[in-house]
């Protein structure tokens, strides 16, 4: 896993994923990570049991935790830079940086 120089994203298979807000204190971050893992397990269980209502609830819980961590929803930086979450690196201002470290 590679982080962008500004620490906003990590790269997986050429795609940017927003990092957790570094301003969160460790206890808060850990609590939300725990909730996220619980929610992901609930998604898996709901899929396994083919329970569409439980799946909707679990996905809402995942979303809630991801937003609280700063990985989705409003960006956690304050310089008005756009969000490139889930974008291919090649289609963003990080393209040249990524090409340079990938070769």
PDB file of N, CA and C in Angstrom:
ATOM      1  N   UNK A   1       0.849  -1.176   0.000  1.00  0.00           N
ATOM      2  CA  UNK A   1       0.000   0.000   0.000  1.00  0.00           C
ATOM      3  C   UNK A   1       0.897   1.243   0.000  1.00  0.00           C
ATOM      4  N   UNK A   2       0.565   2.177  -0.842  1.00  0.00           N
ATOM      5  CA  UNK A   2       1.336   3.413  -0.994  1.00  0.00           C
ATOM      6  C   UNK A   2       0.420   4.590  -0.682  1.00  0.00           C
ATOM      7  N   UNK A   3       0.903   5.514   0.129  1.00  0.00           N
ATOM      8  CA  UNK A   3       0.144   6.731   0.420  1.00  0.00           C
ATOM      9  C   UNK A   3       0.614   7.858  -0.485  1.00  0.00           C
ATOM     10  N   UNK A   4      -0.321   8.723  -0.870  1.00  0.00           N
ATOM     11  CA  UNK A   4       0.037   9.900  -1.648  1.00  0.00           C
ATOM     12  C   UNK A   4       0.907  10.820  -0.778  1.00  0.00           C
ATOM     13  N   UNK A   5       1.714  11.656  -1.402  1.00  0.00           N
ATOM     14  CA  UNK A   5       2.613  12.531  -0.631  1.00  0.00           C
ATOM     15  C   UNK A   5       1.890  13.423   0.381  1.00  0.00           C
ATOM     16  N   UNK A   6       0.656  13.807   0.088  1.00  0.00           N
ATOM     17  CA  UNK A   6      -0.087  14.666   1.013  1.00  0.00           C
ATOM     18  C   UNK A   6      -0.824  13.878   2.092  1.00  0.00           C
ATOM     19  N   UNK A   7      -0.767  12.551   2.036  1.00  0.00           N
ATOM     20  CA  UNK A   7      -1.386  11.713   3.056  1.00  0.00           C
ATOM     21  C   UNK A   7      -2.898  11.602   2.980  1.00  0.00           C
ATOM     22  N   UNK A   8      -3.471  12.076   1.894  1.00  0.00           N
ATOM     23  CA  UNK A   8      -4.930  12.047   1.777  1.00  0.00           C
ATOM     24  C   UNK A   8      -5.470  10.713   1.290  1.00  0.00           C
ATOM     25  N   UNK A   9      -4.679   9.998   0.516  1.00  0.00           N
ATOM     26  CA  UNK A   9      -5.143   8.757  -0.101  1.00  0.00           C
ATOM     27  C   UNK A   9      -4.091   7.669   0.018  1.00  0.00           C
ATOM     28  N   UNK A  10      -4.556   6.429  -0.099  1.00  0.00           N
ATOM     29  CA  UNK A  10      -3.653   5.316  -0.339  1.00  0.00           C
ATOM     30  C   UNK A  10      -4.071   4.717  -1.671  1.00  0.00           C
ATOM     31  N   UNK A  11      -3.151   4.021  -2.311  1.00  0.00           N
ATOM     32  CA  UNK A  11      -3.379   3.500  -3.659  1.00  0.00           C
ATOM     33  C   UNK A  11      -3.421   1.977  -3.615  1.00  0.00           C
ATOM     34  N   UNK A  12      -4.470   1.426  -4.212  1.00  0.00           N
ATOM     35  CA  UNK A  12      -4.598  -0.021  -4.371  1.00  0.00           C
ATOM     36  C   UNK A  12      -4.972  -0.283  -5.822  1.00  0.00           C
ATOM     37  N   UNK A  13      -4.129  -1.046  -6.504  1.00  0.00           N
ATOM     38  CA  UNK A  13      -4.363  -1.400  -7.909  1.00  0.00           C
ATOM     39  C   UNK A  13      -4.663  -0.172  -8.759  1.00  0.00           C
ATOM     40  N   UNK A  14      -3.902   0.894  -8.533  1.00  0.00           N
ATOM     41  CA  UNK A  14      -4.044   2.101  -9.332  1.00  0.00           C
ATOM     42  C   UNK A  14      -5.237   2.964  -9.001  1.00  0.00           C
ATOM     43  N   UNK A  15      -5.921   2.668  -7.888  1.00  0.00           N
ATOM     44  CA  UNK A  15      -7.101   3.439  -7.500  1.00  0.00           C
ATOM     45  C   UNK A  15      -6.848   4.129  -6.166  1.00  0.00           C
ATOM     46  N   UNK A  16      -7.299   5.375  -6.058  1.00  0.00           N
ATOM     47  CA  UNK A  16      -7.157   6.150  -4.828  1.00  0.00           C
ATOM     48  C   UNK A  16      -8.291   5.844  -3.862  1.00  0.00           C
ATOM     49  N   UNK A  17      -7.925   5.687  -2.600  1.00  0.00           N
ATOM     50  CA  UNK A  17      -8.894   5.494  -1.520  1.00  0.00           C
ATOM     51  C   UNK A  17      -8.555   6.477  -0.418  1.00  0.00           C
ATOM     52  N   UNK A  18      -9.554   7.212   0.063  1.00  0.00           N
ATOM     53  CA  UNK A  18      -9.298   8.245   1.058  1.00  0.00           C
ATOM     54  C   UNK A  18      -8.846   7.627   2.387  1.00  0.00           C
ATOM     55  N   UNK A  19      -7.817   8.222   2.956  1.00  0.00           N
ATOM     56  CA  UNK A  19      -7.300   7.785   4.255  1.00  0.00           C
ATOM     57  C   UNK A  19      -8.189   8.308   5.381  1.00  0.00           C
ATOM     58  N   UNK A  20      -8.036   7.682   6.524  1.00  0.00           N
ATOM     59  CA  UNK A  20      -8.711   8.138   7.735  1.00  0.00           C
ATOM     60  C   UNK A  20      -8.194   9.523   8.109  1.00  0.00           C
ATOM     61  N   UNK A  21      -9.059  10.325   8.663  1.00  0.00           N
ATOM     62  CA  UNK A  21      -8.704  11.670   9.097  1.00  0.00           C
ATOM     63  C   UNK A  21      -7.614  11.589  10.168  1.00  0.00           C
ATOM     64  N   UNK A  22      -6.440  12.137   9.893  1.00  0.00           N
ATOM     65  CA  UNK A  22      -5.354  12.048  10.870  1.00  0.00           C
ATOM     66  C   UNK A  22      -5.577  12.907  12.115  1.00  0.00           C
ATOM     67  N   UNK A  23      -6.571  13.786  12.088  1.00  0.00           N
ATOM     68  CA  UNK A  23      -6.851  14.633  13.247  1.00  0.00           C
ATOM     69  C   UNK A  23      -7.670  13.902  14.319  1.00  0.00           C
ATOM     70  N   UNK A  24      -8.196  12.705  13.989  1.00  0.00           N
ATOM     71  CA  UNK A  24      -8.950  11.955  14.994  1.00  0.00           C
ATOM     72  C   UNK A  24      -8.008  11.472  16.088  1.00  0.00           C
ATOM     73  N   UNK A  25      -8.457  11.596  17.342  1.00  0.00           N
ATOM     74  CA  UNK A  25      -7.626  11.053  18.411  1.00  0.00           C
ATOM     75  C   UNK A  25      -7.707   9.524  18.352  1.00  0.00           C
ATOM     76  N   UNK A  26      -6.724   8.863  18.913  1.00  0.00           N
ATOM     77  CA  UNK A  26      -6.594   7.417  18.777  1.00  0.00           C
ATOM     78  C   UNK A  26      -7.803   6.654  19.328  1.00  0.00           C
ATOM     79  N   UNK A  27      -8.343   7.081  20.454  1.00  0.00           N
ATOM     80  CA  UNK A  27      -9.511   6.391  21.020  1.00  0.00           C
ATOM     81  C   UNK A  27     -10.717   6.480  20.086  1.00  0.00           C
ATOM     82  N   UNK A  28     -10.955   7.658  19.545  1.00  0.00           N
ATOM     83  CA  UNK A  28     -12.072   7.844  18.621  1.00  0.00           C
ATOM     84  C   UNK A  28     -11.861   7.026  17.359  1.00  0.00           C
ATOM     85  N   UNK A  29     -10.660   7.088  16.806  1.00  0.00           N
ATOM     86  CA  UNK A  29     -10.362   6.312  15.601  1.00  0.00           C
ATOM     87  C   UNK A  29     -10.575   4.827  15.854  1.00  0.00           C
ATOM     88  N   UNK A  30     -10.068   4.341  16.959  1.00  0.00           N
ATOM     89  CA  UNK A  30     -10.179   2.917  17.262  1.00  0.00           C
ATOM     90  C   UNK A  30     -11.633   2.489  17.449  1.00  0.00           C
ATOM     91  N   UNK A  31     -12.425   3.339  18.098  1.00  0.00           N
ATOM     92  CA  UNK A  31     -13.851   3.019  18.295  1.00  0.00           C
ATOM     93  C   UNK A  31     -14.563   2.891  16.958  1.00  0.00           C
ATOM     94  N   UNK A  32     -14.296   3.819  16.029  1.00  0.00           N
ATOM     95  CA  UNK A  32     -14.947   3.774  14.722  1.00  0.00           C
ATOM     96  C   UNK A  32     -14.429   2.625  13.860  1.00  0.00           C
ATOM     97  N   UNK A  33     -13.156   2.302  13.988  1.00  0.00           N
ATOM     98  CA  UNK A  33     -12.621   1.148  13.259  1.00  0.00           C
ATOM     99  C   UNK A  33     -13.308  -0.120  13.763  1.00  0.00           C
ATOM    100  N   UNK A  34     -13.488  -0.231  15.067  1.00  0.00           N
ATOM    101  CA  UNK A  34     -14.186  -1.392  15.637  1.00  0.00           C
ATOM    102  C   UNK A  34     -15.619  -1.467  15.096  1.00  0.00           C
ATOM    103  N   UNK A  35     -16.313  -0.338  15.087  1.00  0.00           N
ATOM    104  CA  UNK A  35     -17.683  -0.318  14.558  1.00  0.00           C
ATOM    105  C   UNK A  35     -17.710  -0.683  13.075  1.00  0.00           C
ATOM    106  N   UNK A  36     -16.714  -0.209  12.325  1.00  0.00           N
ATOM    107  CA  UNK A  36     -16.633  -0.539  10.906  1.00  0.00           C
ATOM    108  C   UNK A  36     -16.456  -2.042  10.710  1.00  0.00           C
ATOM    109  N   UNK A  37     -15.584  -2.645  11.470  1.00  0.00           N
ATOM    110  CA  UNK A  37     -15.361  -4.097  11.343  1.00  0.00           C
ATOM    111  C   UNK A  37     -16.615  -4.883  11.714  1.00  0.00           C
ATOM    112  N   UNK A  38     -17.308  -4.442  12.754  1.00  0.00           N
ATOM    113  CA  UNK A  38     -18.574  -5.082  13.143  1.00  0.00           C
ATOM    114  C   UNK A  38     -19.590  -4.968  12.004  1.00  0.00           C
ATOM    115  N   UNK A  39     -19.675  -3.795  11.410  1.00  0.00           N
ATOM    116  CA  UNK A  39     -20.620  -3.567  10.321  1.00  0.00           C
ATOM    117  C   UNK A  39     -20.268  -4.411   9.104  1.00  0.00           C
ATOM    118  N   UNK A  40     -18.997  -4.544   8.811  1.00  0.00           N
ATOM    119  CA  UNK A  40     -18.585  -5.378   7.670  1.00  0.00           C
ATOM    120  C   UNK A  40     -18.924  -6.847   7.912  1.00  0.00           C
ATOM    121  N   UNK A  41     -18.759  -7.287   9.157  1.00  0.00           N
ATOM    122  CA  UNK A  41     -19.163  -8.665   9.480  1.00  0.00           C
ATOM    123  C   UNK A  41     -20.674  -8.828   9.324  1.00  0.00           C
ATOM    124  N   UNK A  42     -21.421  -7.795   9.688  1.00  0.00           N
ATOM    125  CA  UNK A  42     -22.878  -7.833   9.542  1.00  0.00           C
ATOM    126  C   UNK A  42     -23.271  -7.885   8.065  1.00  0.00           C
ATOM    127  N   UNK A  43     -22.545  -7.178   7.212  1.00  0.00           N
ATOM    128  CA  UNK A  43     -22.798  -7.243   5.762  1.00  0.00           C
ATOM    129  C   UNK A  43     -22.594  -8.671   5.282  1.00  0.00           C
ATOM    130  N   UNK A  44     -21.504  -9.265   5.688  1.00  0.00           N
ATOM    131  CA  UNK A  44     -21.197 -10.639   5.265  1.00  0.00           C
ATOM    132  C   UNK A  44     -22.284 -11.609   5.733  1.00  0.00           C
ATOM    133  N   UNK A  45     -22.713 -11.469   6.974  1.00  0.00           N
ATOM    134  CA  UNK A  45     -23.749 -12.364   7.517  1.00  0.00           C
ATOM    135  C   UNK A  45     -25.073 -12.159   6.797  1.00  0.00           C
ATOM    136  N   UNK A  46     -25.416 -10.915   6.513  1.00  0.00           N
ATOM    137  CA  UNK A  46     -26.679 -10.632   5.820  1.00  0.00           C
ATOM    138  C   UNK A  46     -26.666 -11.201   4.412  1.00  0.00           C
ATOM    139  N   UNK A  47     -25.531 -11.103   3.747  1.00  0.00           N
ATOM    140  CA  UNK A  47     -25.421 -11.691   2.410  1.00  0.00           C
ATOM    141  C   UNK A  47     -25.560 -13.205   2.476  1.00  0.00           C
ATOM    142  N   UNK A  48     -24.908 -13.805   3.464  1.00  0.00           N
ATOM    143  CA  UNK A  48     -24.947 -15.262   3.602  1.00  0.00           C
ATOM    144  C   UNK A  48     -26.356 -15.766   3.886  1.00  0.00           C
ATOM    145  N   UNK A  49     -27.126 -14.979   4.622  1.00  0.00           N
ATOM    146  CA  UNK A  49     -28.492 -15.396   4.962  1.00  0.00           C
ATOM    147  C   UNK A  49     -29.529 -14.852   3.981  1.00  0.00           C
ATOM    148  N   UNK A  50     -29.050 -14.112   2.976  1.00  0.00           N
ATOM    149  CA  UNK A  50     -29.936 -13.538   1.959  1.00  0.00           C
ATOM    150  C   UNK A  50     -31.021 -12.656   2.585  1.00  0.00           C
ATOM    151  N   UNK A  51     -30.622 -11.882   3.593  1.00  0.00           N
ATOM    152  CA  UNK A  51     -31.542 -11.009   4.327  1.00  0.00           C
ATOM    153  C   UNK A  51     -31.358  -9.575   3.835  1.00  0.00           C
ATOM    154  N   UNK A  52     -32.220  -9.141   2.941  1.00  0.00           N
ATOM    155  CA  UNK A  52     -32.056  -7.825   2.320  1.00  0.00           C
ATOM    156  C   UNK A  52     -32.213  -6.677   3.313  1.00  0.00           C
ATOM    157  N   UNK A  53     -33.085  -6.820   4.284  1.00  0.00           N
ATOM    158  CA  UNK A  53     -33.261  -5.751   5.283  1.00  0.00           C
ATOM    159  C   UNK A  53     -32.020  -5.625   6.159  1.00  0.00           C
ATOM    160  N   UNK A  54     -31.485  -6.760   6.600  1.00  0.00           N
ATOM    161  CA  UNK A  54     -30.271  -6.737   7.419  1.00  0.00           C
ATOM    162  C   UNK A  54     -29.100  -6.188   6.610  1.00  0.00           C
ATOM    163  N   UNK A  55     -29.061  -6.495   5.322  1.00  0.00           N
ATOM    164  CA  UNK A  55     -27.996  -6.001   4.455  1.00  0.00           C
ATOM    165  C   UNK A  55     -28.065  -4.479   4.338  1.00  0.00           C
ATOM    166  N   UNK A  56     -29.260  -3.936   4.161  1.00  0.00           N
ATOM    167  CA  UNK A  56     -29.418  -2.478   4.088  1.00  0.00           C
ATOM    168  C   UNK A  56     -28.945  -1.814   5.378  1.00  0.00           C
ATOM    169  N   UNK A  57     -29.340  -2.376   6.502  1.00  0.00           N
ATOM    170  CA  UNK A  57     -28.945  -1.821   7.796  1.00  0.00           C
ATOM    171  C   UNK A  57     -27.427  -1.892   7.965  1.00  0.00           C
ATOM    172  N   UNK A  58     -26.847  -3.035   7.647  1.00  0.00           N
ATOM    173  CA  UNK A  58     -25.401  -3.208   7.796  1.00  0.00           C
ATOM    174  C   UNK A  58     -24.636  -2.244   6.891  1.00  0.00           C
ATOM    175  N   UNK A  59     -25.099  -2.061   5.678  1.00  0.00           N
ATOM    176  CA  UNK A  59     -24.429  -1.122   4.766  1.00  0.00           C
ATOM    177  C   UNK A  59     -24.539   0.312   5.261  1.00  0.00           C
ATOM    178  N   UNK A  60     -25.670   0.662   5.874  1.00  0.00           N
ATOM    179  CA  UNK A  60     -25.803   1.995   6.476  1.00  0.00           C
ATOM    180  C   UNK A  60     -24.808   2.166   7.621  1.00  0.00           C
ATOM    181  N   UNK A  61     -24.590   1.089   8.389  1.00  0.00           N
ATOM    182  CA  UNK A  61     -23.628   1.141   9.491  1.00  0.00           C
ATOM    183  C   UNK A  61     -22.201   1.290   8.964  1.00  0.00           C
ATOM    184  N   UNK A  62     -21.900   0.607   7.875  1.00  0.00           N
ATOM    185  CA  UNK A  62     -20.582   0.768   7.250  1.00  0.00           C
ATOM    186  C   UNK A  62     -20.409   2.219   6.808  1.00  0.00           C
ATOM    187  N   UNK A  63     -21.403   2.762   6.143  1.00  0.00           N
ATOM    188  CA  UNK A  63     -21.340   4.149   5.674  1.00  0.00           C
ATOM    189  C   UNK A  63     -21.129   5.106   6.846  1.00  0.00           C
ATOM    190  N   UNK A  64     -21.874   4.912   7.918  1.00  0.00           N
ATOM    191  CA  UNK A  64     -21.769   5.780   9.098  1.00  0.00           C
ATOM    192  C   UNK A  64     -20.345   5.766   9.652  1.00  0.00           C
ATOM    193  N   UNK A  65     -19.771   4.587   9.775  1.00  0.00           N
ATOM    194  CA  UNK A  65     -18.416   4.472  10.312  1.00  0.00           C
ATOM    195  C   UNK A  65     -17.396   5.093   9.362  1.00  0.00           C
ATOM    196  N   UNK A  66     -17.547   4.850   8.064  1.00  0.00           N
ATOM    197  CA  UNK A  66     -16.603   5.402   7.089  1.00  0.00           C
ATOM    198  C   UNK A  66     -16.660   6.938   7.096  1.00  0.00           C
ATOM    199  N   UNK A  67     -17.845   7.498   7.216  1.00  0.00           N
ATOM    200  CA  UNK A  67     -17.977   8.961   7.281  1.00  0.00           C
ATOM    201  C   UNK A  67     -17.327   9.474   8.565  1.00  0.00           C
ATOM    202  N   UNK A  68     -17.574   8.801   9.687  1.00  0.00           N
ATOM    203  CA  UNK A  68     -16.981   9.228  10.961  1.00  0.00           C
ATOM    204  C   UNK A  68     -15.456   9.182  10.910  1.00  0.00           C
ATOM    205  N   UNK A  69     -14.914   8.224  10.184  1.00  0.00           N
ATOM    206  CA  UNK A  69     -13.462   8.110  10.044  1.00  0.00           C
ATOM    207  C   UNK A  69     -12.891   9.102   9.027  1.00  0.00           C
ATOM    208  N   UNK A  70     -13.757   9.725   8.249  1.00  0.00           N
ATOM    209  CA  UNK A  70     -13.299  10.682   7.241  1.00  0.00           C
ATOM    210  C   UNK A  70     -12.986  10.043   5.905  1.00  0.00           C
ATOM    211  N   UNK A  71     -13.294   8.759   5.762  1.00  0.00           N
ATOM    212  CA  UNK A  71     -12.986   8.044   4.528  1.00  0.00           C
ATOM    213  C   UNK A  71     -14.054   8.246   3.454  1.00  0.00           C
ATOM    214  N   UNK A  72     -15.209   8.729   3.860  1.00  0.00           N
ATOM    215  CA  UNK A  72     -16.293   9.088   2.940  1.00  0.00           C
ATOM    216  C   UNK A  72     -16.932  10.363   3.467  1.00  0.00           C
ATOM    217  N   UNK A  73     -17.849  10.915   2.685  1.00  0.00           N
ATOM    218  CA  UNK A  73     -18.527  12.135   3.113  1.00  0.00           C
ATOM    219  C   UNK A  73     -17.646  13.347   2.901  1.00  0.00           C
ATOM    220  N   UNK A  74     -17.885  14.393   3.686  1.00  0.00           N
ATOM    221  CA  UNK A  74     -17.088  15.616   3.534  1.00  0.00           C
ATOM    222  C   UNK A  74     -15.602  15.332   3.749  1.00  0.00           C
ATOM    223  N   UNK A  75     -14.779  15.992   2.962  1.00  0.00           N
ATOM    224  CA  UNK A  75     -13.327  15.787   3.110  1.00  0.00           C
ATOM    225  C   UNK A  75     -12.855  16.371   4.436  1.00  0.00           C
ATOM    226  N   UNK A  76     -11.752  15.831   4.946  1.00  0.00           N
ATOM    227  CA  UNK A  76     -11.236  16.294   6.231  1.00  0.00           C
ATOM    228  C   UNK A  76     -10.165  17.365   6.076  1.00  0.00           C
ATOM    229  N   UNK A  77      -9.744  17.667   4.859  1.00  0.00           N
ATOM    230  CA  UNK A  77      -8.758  18.728   4.675  1.00  0.00           C
ATOM    231  C   UNK A  77      -9.484  20.038   4.410  1.00  0.00           C
ATOM    232  N   UNK A  78      -8.765  21.143   4.601  1.00  0.00           N
ATOM    233  CA  UNK A  78      -9.431  22.447   4.568  1.00  0.00           C
ATOM    234  C   UNK A  78      -8.930  23.385   3.475  1.00  0.00           C
ATOM    235  N   UNK A  79      -8.183  22.872   2.508  1.00  0.00           N
ATOM    236  CA  UNK A  79      -7.643  23.766   1.476  1.00  0.00           C
ATOM    237  C   UNK A  79      -8.481  23.815   0.201  1.00  0.00           C
ATOM    238  N   UNK A  80      -9.694  23.305   0.254  1.00  0.00           N
ATOM    239  CA  UNK A  80     -10.655  23.327  -0.861  1.00  0.00           C
ATOM    240  C   UNK A  80     -10.231  22.464  -2.045  1.00  0.00           C
ATOM    241  N   UNK A  81      -9.248  21.581  -1.860  1.00  0.00           N
ATOM    242  CA  UNK A  81      -8.871  20.652  -2.929  1.00  0.00           C
ATOM    243  C   UNK A  81      -9.995  19.657  -3.157  1.00  0.00           C
ATOM    244  N   UNK A  82     -10.225  19.273  -4.411  1.00  0.00           N
ATOM    245  CA  UNK A  82     -11.299  18.317  -4.693  1.00  0.00           C
ATOM    246  C   UNK A  82     -10.975  16.927  -4.145  1.00  0.00           C
ATOM    247  N   UNK A  83     -12.011  16.127  -4.047  1.00  0.00           N
ATOM    248  CA  UNK A  83     -11.872  14.753  -3.563  1.00  0.00           C
ATOM    249  C   UNK A  83     -11.730  13.805  -4.752  1.00  0.00           C
ATOM    250  N   UNK A  84     -10.708  12.975  -4.726  1.00  0.00           N
ATOM    251  CA  UNK A  84     -10.486  11.995  -5.788  1.00  0.00           C
ATOM    252  C   UNK A  84     -10.680  10.566  -5.278  1.00  0.00           C
ATOM    253  N   UNK A  85     -11.437  10.414  -4.201  1.00  0.00           N
ATOM    254  CA  UNK A  85     -11.699   9.091  -3.646  1.00  0.00           C
ATOM    255  C   UNK A  85     -12.314   8.177  -4.703  1.00  0.00           C
ATOM    256  N   UNK A  86     -11.771   6.983  -4.805  1.00  0.00           N
ATOM    257  CA  UNK A  86     -12.231   5.937  -5.724  1.00  0.00           C
ATOM    258  C   UNK A  86     -11.922   6.232  -7.194  1.00  0.00           C
ATOM    259  N   UNK A  87     -11.101   7.216  -7.463  1.00  0.00           N
ATOM    260  CA  UNK A  87     -10.704   7.530  -8.843  1.00  0.00           C
ATOM    261  C   UNK A  87      -9.431   6.769  -9.207  1.00  0.00           C
ATOM    262  N   UNK A  88      -9.275   6.489 -10.481  1.00  0.00           N
ATOM    263  CA  UNK A  88      -8.029   5.928 -10.960  1.00  0.00           C
ATOM    264  C   UNK A  88      -6.957   7.003 -10.857  1.00  0.00           C
ATOM    265  N   UNK A  89      -5.800   6.647 -10.314  1.00  0.00           N
ATOM    266  CA  UNK A  89      -4.726   7.622 -10.137  1.00  0.00           C
ATOM    267  C   UNK A  89      -4.405   8.318 -11.454  1.00  0.00           C
ATOM    268  N   UNK A  90      -4.418   7.576 -12.544  1.00  0.00           N
ATOM    269  CA  UNK A  90      -4.062   8.128 -13.853  1.00  0.00           C
ATOM    270  C   UNK A  90      -4.969   9.275 -14.280  1.00  0.00           C
ATOM    271  N   UNK A  91      -6.148   9.375 -13.685  1.00  0.00           N
ATOM    272  CA  UNK A  91      -7.104  10.422 -14.055  1.00  0.00           C
ATOM    273  C   UNK A  91      -7.133  11.569 -13.047  1.00  0.00           C
ATOM    274  N   UNK A  92      -6.086  11.691 -12.255  1.00  0.00           N
ATOM    275  CA  UNK A  92      -6.054  12.707 -11.197  1.00  0.00           C
ATOM    276  C   UNK A  92      -4.740  13.483 -11.248  1.00  0.00           C
ATOM    277  N   UNK A  93      -4.630  14.536 -10.453  1.00  0.00           N
ATOM    278  CA  UNK A  93      -3.359  15.264 -10.368  1.00  0.00           C
ATOM    279  C   UNK A  93      -2.208  14.421  -9.795  1.00  0.00           C
ATOM    280  N   UNK A  94      -2.502  13.266  -9.251  1.00  0.00           N
ATOM    281  CA  UNK A  94      -1.472  12.383  -8.703  1.00  0.00           C
ATOM    282  C   UNK A  94      -0.851  11.480  -9.770  1.00  0.00           C
ATOM    283  N   UNK A  95      -1.297  11.580 -11.008  1.00  0.00           N
ATOM    284  CA  UNK A  95      -0.865  10.672 -12.072  1.00  0.00           C
ATOM    285  C   UNK A  95       0.650  10.678 -12.269  1.00  0.00           C
ATOM    286  N   UNK A  96       1.243  11.851 -12.386  1.00  0.00           N
ATOM    287  CA  UNK A  96       2.689  11.924 -12.627  1.00  0.00           C
ATOM    288  C   UNK A  96       3.463  11.353 -11.438  1.00  0.00           C
ATOM    289  N   UNK A  97       3.062  11.715 -10.233  1.00  0.00           N
ATOM    290  CA  UNK A  97       3.699  11.172  -9.022  1.00  0.00           C
ATOM    291  C   UNK A  97       3.645   9.647  -9.035  1.00  0.00           C
ATOM    292  N   UNK A  98       2.470   9.093  -9.315  1.00  0.00           N
ATOM    293  CA  UNK A  98       2.311   7.642  -9.281  1.00  0.00           C
ATOM    294  C   UNK A  98       3.128   6.956 -10.372  1.00  0.00           C
ATOM    295  N   UNK A  99       3.142   7.549 -11.539  1.00  0.00           N
ATOM    296  CA  UNK A  99       3.939   6.985 -12.628  1.00  0.00           C
ATOM    297  C   UNK A  99       5.423   6.954 -12.249  1.00  0.00           C
ATOM    298  N   UNK A 100       5.881   7.998 -11.595  1.00  0.00           N
ATOM    299  CA  UNK A 100       7.288   8.075 -11.194  1.00  0.00           C
ATOM    300  C   UNK A 100       7.664   7.032 -10.139  1.00  0.00           C
ATOM    301  N   UNK A 101       6.739   6.719  -9.256  1.00  0.00           N
ATOM    302  CA  UNK A 101       7.074   5.736  -8.219  1.00  0.00           C
ATOM    303  C   UNK A 101       6.800   4.310  -8.681  1.00  0.00           C
ATOM    304  N   UNK A 102       6.025   4.153  -9.748  1.00  0.00           N
ATOM    305  CA  UNK A 102       5.666   2.830 -10.243  1.00  0.00           C
ATOM    306  C   UNK A 102       6.667   2.258 -11.230  1.00  0.00           C
ATOM    307  N   UNK A 103       7.561   3.095 -11.720  1.00  0.00           N
ATOM    308  CA  UNK A 103       8.516   2.626 -12.734  1.00  0.00           C
ATOM    309  C   UNK A 103       9.868   2.350 -12.154  1.00  0.00           C
TER     310      UNK A 103
END
